[in-house]
Amino acid sequence: MKLTRGRILVVRHGETAWSRSLQHTGRTDVPLTAHGEEQALALRPRIAPWDLALVLSSPLQRARRTAELAGLEPELDDDLLEWDYGAYEGRTTDDIRSDLGDPGWTVWSAASGLGETADDVAVRAGRVIDRALPLVDDGRDVALFAHAHLLRILAATWLELPAARGVSFVLQPAGAGVLGYERDSRVLRAWNV
């Protein structure tokens, strides 16, 4: 193993109409807003200094387009798709809480109605990490363009935490994070920047 390891740059897609209205946006393929495209373009000078060995993106247009506007040509990976929200797709947390009569409901604590569990998402996130790890261990950098909840769970998985701990890693539209190492420990080097 090399003394200097690489990093994983994670980037959430720019704003969409649904992210702006706080709707759960899983598999619905909504485009970036004009503001979301501006956010993605603003990533370009921040990402330009990175020497990326691999760039992966969710196949959904909001993530793919963010990578493209940031100046990259991503390889599409279905494991980077957002959490399948099932019956909650397109709905806001406030609406769901009202309908269920449960003021404490969150996607993180939902007992039913989701298309997949947080642990299911973590399995996909683990496969992405496994794909990136040989490059990172060889001192090379990787970029992942995807979605808020998927990337939050991926960060928890990187840190070897339960998937549900992703609740602690808020990531705004066009927000980025850096996963890496301190000696042999996996760490968050930066988050939501």
C-alpha atoms as a PDB file:
ATOM      1  CA  MET A   1       0.000   0.000   0.000  1.00  0.00           C
ATOM      2  CA  LYS A   2       1.279   3.460  -0.869  1.00  0.00           C
ATOM      3  CA  LEU A   3       2.142   5.912   1.869  1.00  0.00           C
ATOM      4  CA  THR A   4      -0.012   8.589   0.261  1.00  0.00           C
ATOM      5  CA  ARG A   5      -3.540   7.501  -0.464  1.00  0.00           C
ATOM      6  CA  GLY A   6      -5.972   9.182  -2.780  1.00  0.00           C
ATOM      7  CA  ARG A   7      -9.317  10.728  -1.972  1.00  0.00           C
ATOM      8  CA  ILE A   8     -12.933  10.369  -2.981  1.00  0.00           C
ATOM      9  CA  LEU A   9     -14.640  13.596  -3.998  1.00  0.00           C
ATOM     10  CA  VAL A  10     -18.419  13.325  -3.599  1.00  0.00           C
ATOM     11  CA  VAL A  11     -20.655  15.917  -5.245  1.00  0.00           C
ATOM     12  CA  ARG A  12     -24.388  16.296  -4.947  1.00  0.00           C
ATOM     13  CA  HIS A  13     -26.193  17.464  -8.074  1.00  0.00           C
ATOM     14  CA  GLY A  14     -27.286  21.091  -8.398  1.00  0.00           C
ATOM     15  CA  GLU A  15     -30.722  22.402  -7.553  1.00  0.00           C
ATOM     16  CA  THR A  16     -33.849  20.913  -9.134  1.00  0.00           C
ATOM     17  CA  ALA A  17     -37.430  22.137  -8.806  1.00  0.00           C
ATOM     18  CA  TRP A  18     -38.070  19.236  -6.451  1.00  0.00           C
ATOM     19  CA  SER A  19     -35.011  19.857  -4.254  1.00  0.00           C
ATOM     20  CA  ARG A  20     -36.081  23.489  -4.015  1.00  0.00           C
ATOM     21  CA  SER A  21     -39.602  22.467  -2.892  1.00  0.00           C
ATOM     22  CA  LEU A  22     -38.186  19.780  -0.543  1.00  0.00           C
ATOM     23  CA  GLN A  23     -39.890  16.893  -2.347  1.00  0.00           C
ATOM     24  CA  HIS A  24     -38.346  13.447  -1.982  1.00  0.00           C
ATOM     25  CA  THR A  25     -36.657  12.939  -5.339  1.00  0.00           C
ATOM     26  CA  GLY A  26     -35.512   9.380  -5.760  1.00  0.00           C
ATOM     27  CA  ARG A  27     -35.822   7.818  -9.182  1.00  0.00           C
ATOM     28  CA  THR A  28     -37.880  10.550 -10.875  1.00  0.00           C
ATOM     29  CA  ASP A  29     -35.554  11.994 -13.513  1.00  0.00           C
ATOM     30  CA  VAL A  30     -36.020  15.721 -12.965  1.00  0.00           C
ATOM     31  CA  PRO A  31     -33.656  18.220 -14.628  1.00  0.00           C
ATOM     32  CA  LEU A  32     -31.560  20.910 -13.029  1.00  0.00           C
ATOM     33  CA  THR A  33     -33.097  24.346 -12.703  1.00  0.00           C
ATOM     34  CA  ALA A  34     -31.280  27.304 -14.277  1.00  0.00           C
ATOM     35  CA  HIS A  35     -29.866  27.996 -10.805  1.00  0.00           C
ATOM     36  CA  GLY A  36     -28.804  24.342 -10.547  1.00  0.00           C
ATOM     37  CA  GLU A  37     -26.909  24.673 -13.824  1.00  0.00           C
ATOM     38  CA  GLU A  38     -25.175  27.798 -12.480  1.00  0.00           C
ATOM     39  CA  GLN A  39     -24.236  25.870  -9.330  1.00  0.00           C
ATOM     40  CA  ALA A  40     -22.797  23.059 -11.455  1.00  0.00           C
ATOM     41  CA  LEU A  41     -20.782  25.492 -13.590  1.00  0.00           C
ATOM     42  CA  ALA A  42     -19.418  27.072 -10.405  1.00  0.00           C
ATOM     43  CA  LEU A  43     -17.959  23.679  -9.470  1.00  0.00           C
ATOM     44  CA  ARG A  44     -15.652  23.736 -12.502  1.00  0.00           C
ATOM     45  CA  PRO A  45     -12.803  25.839 -11.013  1.00  0.00           C
ATOM     46  CA  ARG A  46     -13.037  23.947  -7.711  1.00  0.00           C
ATOM     47  CA  ILE A  47     -12.718  20.567  -9.437  1.00  0.00           C
ATOM     48  CA  ALA A  48     -10.186  21.579 -12.114  1.00  0.00           C
ATOM     49  CA  PRO A  49      -7.122  21.081  -9.841  1.00  0.00           C
ATOM     50  CA  TRP A  50      -8.105  17.481  -9.094  1.00  0.00           C
ATOM     51  CA  ASP A  51      -6.290  14.781 -11.096  1.00  0.00           C
ATOM     52  CA  LEU A  52      -9.160  12.316 -11.256  1.00  0.00           C
ATOM     53  CA  ALA A  53      -8.476   8.696 -12.160  1.00  0.00           C
ATOM     54  CA  LEU A  54     -12.188   7.853 -12.286  1.00  0.00           C
ATOM     55  CA  VAL A  55     -15.389   9.898 -12.463  1.00  0.00           C
ATOM     56  CA  LEU A  56     -18.657   8.101 -11.782  1.00  0.00           C
ATOM     57  CA  SER A  57     -22.175   9.501 -11.889  1.00  0.00           C
ATOM     58  CA  SER A  58     -25.689   8.401 -11.233  1.00  0.00           C
ATOM     59  CA  PRO A  59     -27.403   7.930 -14.602  1.00  0.00           C
ATOM     60  CA  LEU A  60     -30.138  10.412 -13.611  1.00  0.00           C
ATOM     61  CA  GLN A  61     -29.819  13.639 -15.583  1.00  0.00           C
ATOM     62  CA  ARG A  62     -29.481  15.938 -12.572  1.00  0.00           C
ATOM     63  CA  ALA A  63     -26.276  14.189 -11.432  1.00  0.00           C
ATOM     64  CA  ARG A  64     -24.899  13.460 -14.898  1.00  0.00           C
ATOM     65  CA  ARG A  65     -25.472  17.051 -16.057  1.00  0.00           C
ATOM     66  CA  THR A  66     -23.824  18.430 -12.914  1.00  0.00           C
ATOM     67  CA  ALA A  67     -20.692  16.420 -13.709  1.00  0.00           C
ATOM     68  CA  GLU A  68     -20.737  17.546 -17.337  1.00  0.00           C
ATOM     69  CA  LEU A  69     -21.177  21.215 -16.446  1.00  0.00           C
ATOM     70  CA  ALA A  70     -18.322  20.832 -13.970  1.00  0.00           C
ATOM     71  CA  GLY A  71     -16.161  19.905 -16.972  1.00  0.00           C
ATOM     72  CA  LEU A  72     -16.067  16.126 -16.596  1.00  0.00           C
ATOM     73  CA  GLU A  73     -17.141  13.118 -18.652  1.00  0.00           C
ATOM     74  CA  PRO A  74     -18.543  10.664 -16.124  1.00  0.00           C
ATOM     75  CA  GLU A  75     -19.051   6.952 -16.431  1.00  0.00           C
ATOM     76  CA  LEU A  76     -22.619   6.110 -15.382  1.00  0.00           C
ATOM     77  CA  ASP A  77     -23.123   3.729 -12.471  1.00  0.00           C
ATOM     78  CA  ASP A  78     -26.570   2.519 -11.385  1.00  0.00           C
ATOM     79  CA  ASP A  79     -25.263   1.982  -7.858  1.00  0.00           C
ATOM     80  CA  LEU A  80     -25.197   5.789  -7.525  1.00  0.00           C
ATOM     81  CA  LEU A  81     -28.964   6.119  -8.082  1.00  0.00           C
ATOM     82  CA  GLU A  82     -30.781   7.906  -5.280  1.00  0.00           C
ATOM     83  CA  TRP A  83     -32.674   6.039  -2.568  1.00  0.00           C
ATOM     84  CA  ASP A  84     -35.884   4.499  -3.914  1.00  0.00           C
ATOM     85  CA  TYR A  85     -38.498   6.361  -1.854  1.00  0.00           C
ATOM     86  CA  GLY A  86     -41.356   4.141  -3.014  1.00  0.00           C
ATOM     87  CA  ALA A  87     -44.725   5.570  -1.920  1.00  0.00           C
ATOM     88  CA  TYR A  88     -43.034   8.752  -0.693  1.00  0.00           C
ATOM     89  CA  GLU A  89     -41.576   9.746  -4.073  1.00  0.00           C
ATOM     90  CA  GLY A  90     -42.400  13.352  -4.945  1.00  0.00           C
ATOM     91  CA  ARG A  91     -43.832  14.114  -1.507  1.00  0.00           C
ATOM     92  CA  THR A  92     -42.513  16.468   1.157  1.00  0.00           C
ATOM     93  CA  THR A  93     -41.760  15.365   4.694  1.00  0.00           C
ATOM     94  CA  ASP A  94     -44.420  17.777   6.007  1.00  0.00           C
ATOM     95  CA  ASP A  95     -47.100  16.241   3.747  1.00  0.00           C
ATOM     96  CA  ILE A  96     -46.111  12.719   4.733  1.00  0.00           C
ATOM     97  CA  ARG A  97     -46.142  13.592   8.435  1.00  0.00           C
ATOM     98  CA  SER A  98     -49.593  15.131   8.068  1.00  0.00           C
ATOM     99  CA  ASP A  99     -51.007  12.159   6.156  1.00  0.00           C
ATOM    100  CA  LEU A 100     -49.541   9.618   8.572  1.00  0.00           C
ATOM    101  CA  GLY A 101     -50.370  11.626  11.687  1.00  0.00           C
ATOM    102  CA  ASP A 102     -46.741  11.166  12.730  1.00  0.00           C
ATOM    103  CA  PRO A 103     -44.969  14.484  13.453  1.00  0.00           C
ATOM    104  CA  GLY A 104     -41.638  12.700  13.872  1.00  0.00           C
ATOM    105  CA  TRP A 105     -41.593  10.763  10.590  1.00  0.00           C
ATOM    106  CA  THR A 106     -38.404  10.903   8.529  1.00  0.00           C
ATOM    107  CA  VAL A 107     -37.151   8.825   5.656  1.00  0.00           C
ATOM    108  CA  TRP A 108     -34.466   7.619   8.080  1.00  0.00           C
ATOM    109  CA  SER A 109     -37.020   6.186  10.513  1.00  0.00           C
ATOM    110  CA  ALA A 110     -39.760   5.030   8.118  1.00  0.00           C
ATOM    111  CA  ALA A 111     -40.962   1.537   8.936  1.00  0.00           C
ATOM    112  CA  SER A 112     -42.729   0.956   5.618  1.00  0.00           C
ATOM    113  CA  GLY A 113     -43.591   2.516   2.277  1.00  0.00           C
ATOM    114  CA  LEU A 114     -40.022   2.886   0.981  1.00  0.00           C
ATOM    115  CA  GLY A 115     -38.793   1.098  -2.131  1.00  0.00           C
ATOM    116  CA  GLU A 116     -35.580   0.156  -0.328  1.00  0.00           C
ATOM    117  CA  THR A 117     -34.143   0.507   3.166  1.00  0.00           C
ATOM    118  CA  ALA A 118     -31.149   2.596   4.189  1.00  0.00           C
ATOM    119  CA  ASP A 119     -29.246  -0.672   4.523  1.00  0.00           C
ATOM    120  CA  ASP A 120     -30.147  -1.578   0.925  1.00  0.00           C
ATOM    121  CA  VAL A 121     -28.727   1.782  -0.189  1.00  0.00           C
ATOM    122  CA  ALA A 122     -25.598   1.094   1.874  1.00  0.00           C
ATOM    123  CA  VAL A 123     -25.040  -2.153  -0.048  1.00  0.00           C
ATOM    124  CA  ARG A 124     -24.990  -0.164  -3.296  1.00  0.00           C
ATOM    125  CA  ALA A 125     -22.757   2.498  -1.707  1.00  0.00           C
ATOM    126  CA  GLY A 126     -20.388  -0.245  -0.568  1.00  0.00           C
ATOM    127  CA  ARG A 127     -20.051  -1.514  -4.124  1.00  0.00           C
ATOM    128  CA  VAL A 128     -19.124   2.000  -5.288  1.00  0.00           C
ATOM    129  CA  ILE A 129     -16.525   2.270  -2.516  1.00  0.00           C
ATOM    130  CA  ASP A 130     -15.149  -1.155  -3.446  1.00  0.00           C
ATOM    131  CA  ARG A 131     -14.824   0.042  -7.038  1.00  0.00           C
ATOM    132  CA  ALA A 132     -12.981   3.222  -6.003  1.00  0.00           C
ATOM    133  CA  LEU A 133     -10.785   1.713  -3.295  1.00  0.00           C
ATOM    134  CA  PRO A 134      -8.026   0.166  -5.459  1.00  0.00           C
ATOM    135  CA  LEU A 135      -7.445   3.569  -7.072  1.00  0.00           C
ATOM    136  CA  VAL A 136      -7.564   5.415  -3.753  1.00  0.00           C
ATOM    137  CA  ASP A 137      -5.175   2.925  -2.175  1.00  0.00           C
ATOM    138  CA  ASP A 138      -2.848   3.545  -5.130  1.00  0.00           C
ATOM    139  CA  GLY A 139      -2.790   7.291  -4.352  1.00  0.00           C
ATOM    140  CA  ARG A 140      -5.291   8.312  -7.007  1.00  0.00           C
ATOM    141  CA  ASP A 141      -8.438  10.423  -6.693  1.00  0.00           C
ATOM    142  CA  VAL A 142     -11.997   9.488  -7.660  1.00  0.00           C
ATOM    143  CA  ALA A 143     -15.094  11.689  -8.078  1.00  0.00           C
ATOM    144  CA  LEU A 144     -18.678  10.584  -7.501  1.00  0.00           C
ATOM    145  CA  PHE A 145     -21.662  12.659  -8.684  1.00  0.00           C
ATOM    146  CA  ALA A 146     -24.925  11.609  -7.143  1.00  0.00           C
ATOM    147  CA  HIS A 147     -27.725  12.492  -4.747  1.00  0.00           C
ATOM    148  CA  ALA A 148     -28.104  13.742  -1.183  1.00  0.00           C
ATOM    149  CA  HIS A 149     -29.286  10.649   0.662  1.00  0.00           C
ATOM    150  CA  LEU A 150     -27.171   8.217  -1.338  1.00  0.00           C
ATOM    151  CA  LEU A 151     -24.037  10.279  -0.678  1.00  0.00           C
ATOM    152  CA  ARG A 152     -24.896  10.683   2.998  1.00  0.00           C
ATOM    153  CA  ILE A 153     -25.199   6.910   3.314  1.00  0.00           C
ATOM    154  CA  LEU A 154     -22.010   6.468   1.286  1.00  0.00           C
ATOM    155  CA  ALA A 155     -20.172   8.725   3.762  1.00  0.00           C
ATOM    156  CA  ALA A 156     -21.497   6.680   6.695  1.00  0.00           C
ATOM    157  CA  THR A 157     -20.475   3.482   4.902  1.00  0.00           C
ATOM    158  CA  TRP A 158     -16.996   4.896   4.232  1.00  0.00           C
ATOM    159  CA  LEU A 159     -16.664   5.622   7.950  1.00  0.00           C
ATOM    160  CA  GLU A 160     -17.901   2.090   8.755  1.00  0.00           C
ATOM    161  CA  LEU A 161     -20.981   3.475  10.508  1.00  0.00           C
ATOM    162  CA  PRO A 162     -24.528   2.128  10.223  1.00  0.00           C
ATOM    163  CA  ALA A 163     -26.344   3.430   7.134  1.00  0.00           C
ATOM    164  CA  ALA A 164     -28.842   5.349   9.276  1.00  0.00           C
ATOM    165  CA  ARG A 165     -25.990   7.539  10.573  1.00  0.00           C
ATOM    166  CA  GLY A 166     -26.154   9.221   7.177  1.00  0.00           C
ATOM    167  CA  VAL A 167     -28.781  11.396   8.853  1.00  0.00           C
ATOM    168  CA  SER A 168     -25.845  13.340  10.338  1.00  0.00           C
ATOM    169  CA  PHE A 169     -24.256  14.315   7.012  1.00  0.00           C
ATOM    170  CA  VAL A 170     -26.377  17.048   5.416  1.00  0.00           C
ATOM    171  CA  LEU A 171     -25.360  17.831   1.834  1.00  0.00           C
ATOM    172  CA  GLN A 172     -26.858  20.833   0.043  1.00  0.00           C
ATOM    173  CA  PRO A 173     -27.414  21.031  -3.738  1.00  0.00           C
ATOM    174  CA  ALA A 174     -24.007  21.218  -5.446  1.00  0.00           C
ATOM    175  CA  GLY A 175     -22.406  20.559  -2.060  1.00  0.00           C
ATOM    176  CA  ALA A 176     -19.246  18.501  -2.008  1.00  0.00           C
ATOM    177  CA  GLY A 177     -17.315  16.389   0.429  1.00  0.00           C
ATOM    178  CA  VAL A 178     -13.967  14.674   0.521  1.00  0.00           C
ATOM    179  CA  LEU A 179     -13.513  11.190   1.922  1.00  0.00           C
ATOM    180  CA  GLY A 180     -10.000  10.056   2.678  1.00  0.00           C
ATOM    181  CA  TYR A 181      -7.614   8.796   5.279  1.00  0.00           C
ATOM    182  CA  GLU A 182      -5.656   9.990   8.252  1.00  0.00           C
ATOM    183  CA  ARG A 183      -2.946   7.378   8.502  1.00  0.00           C
ATOM    184  CA  ASP A 184      -4.967   4.129   8.430  1.00  0.00           C
ATOM    185  CA  SER A 185      -8.285   5.604   9.599  1.00  0.00           C
ATOM    186  CA  ARG A 186     -11.032   6.503   7.162  1.00  0.00           C
ATOM    187  CA  VAL A 187     -12.115  10.115   7.698  1.00  0.00           C
ATOM    188  CA  LEU A 188     -14.194  12.954   6.307  1.00  0.00           C
ATOM    189  CA  ARG A 189     -11.599  15.441   5.129  1.00  0.00           C
ATOM    190  CA  ALA A 190     -14.272  18.015   4.181  1.00  0.00           C
ATOM    191  CA  TRP A 191     -18.063  18.069   4.003  1.00  0.00           C
ATOM    192  CA  ASN A 192     -20.832  20.212   2.489  1.00  0.00           C
ATOM    193  CA  VAL A 193     -18.406  22.722   0.989  1.00  0.00           C
END
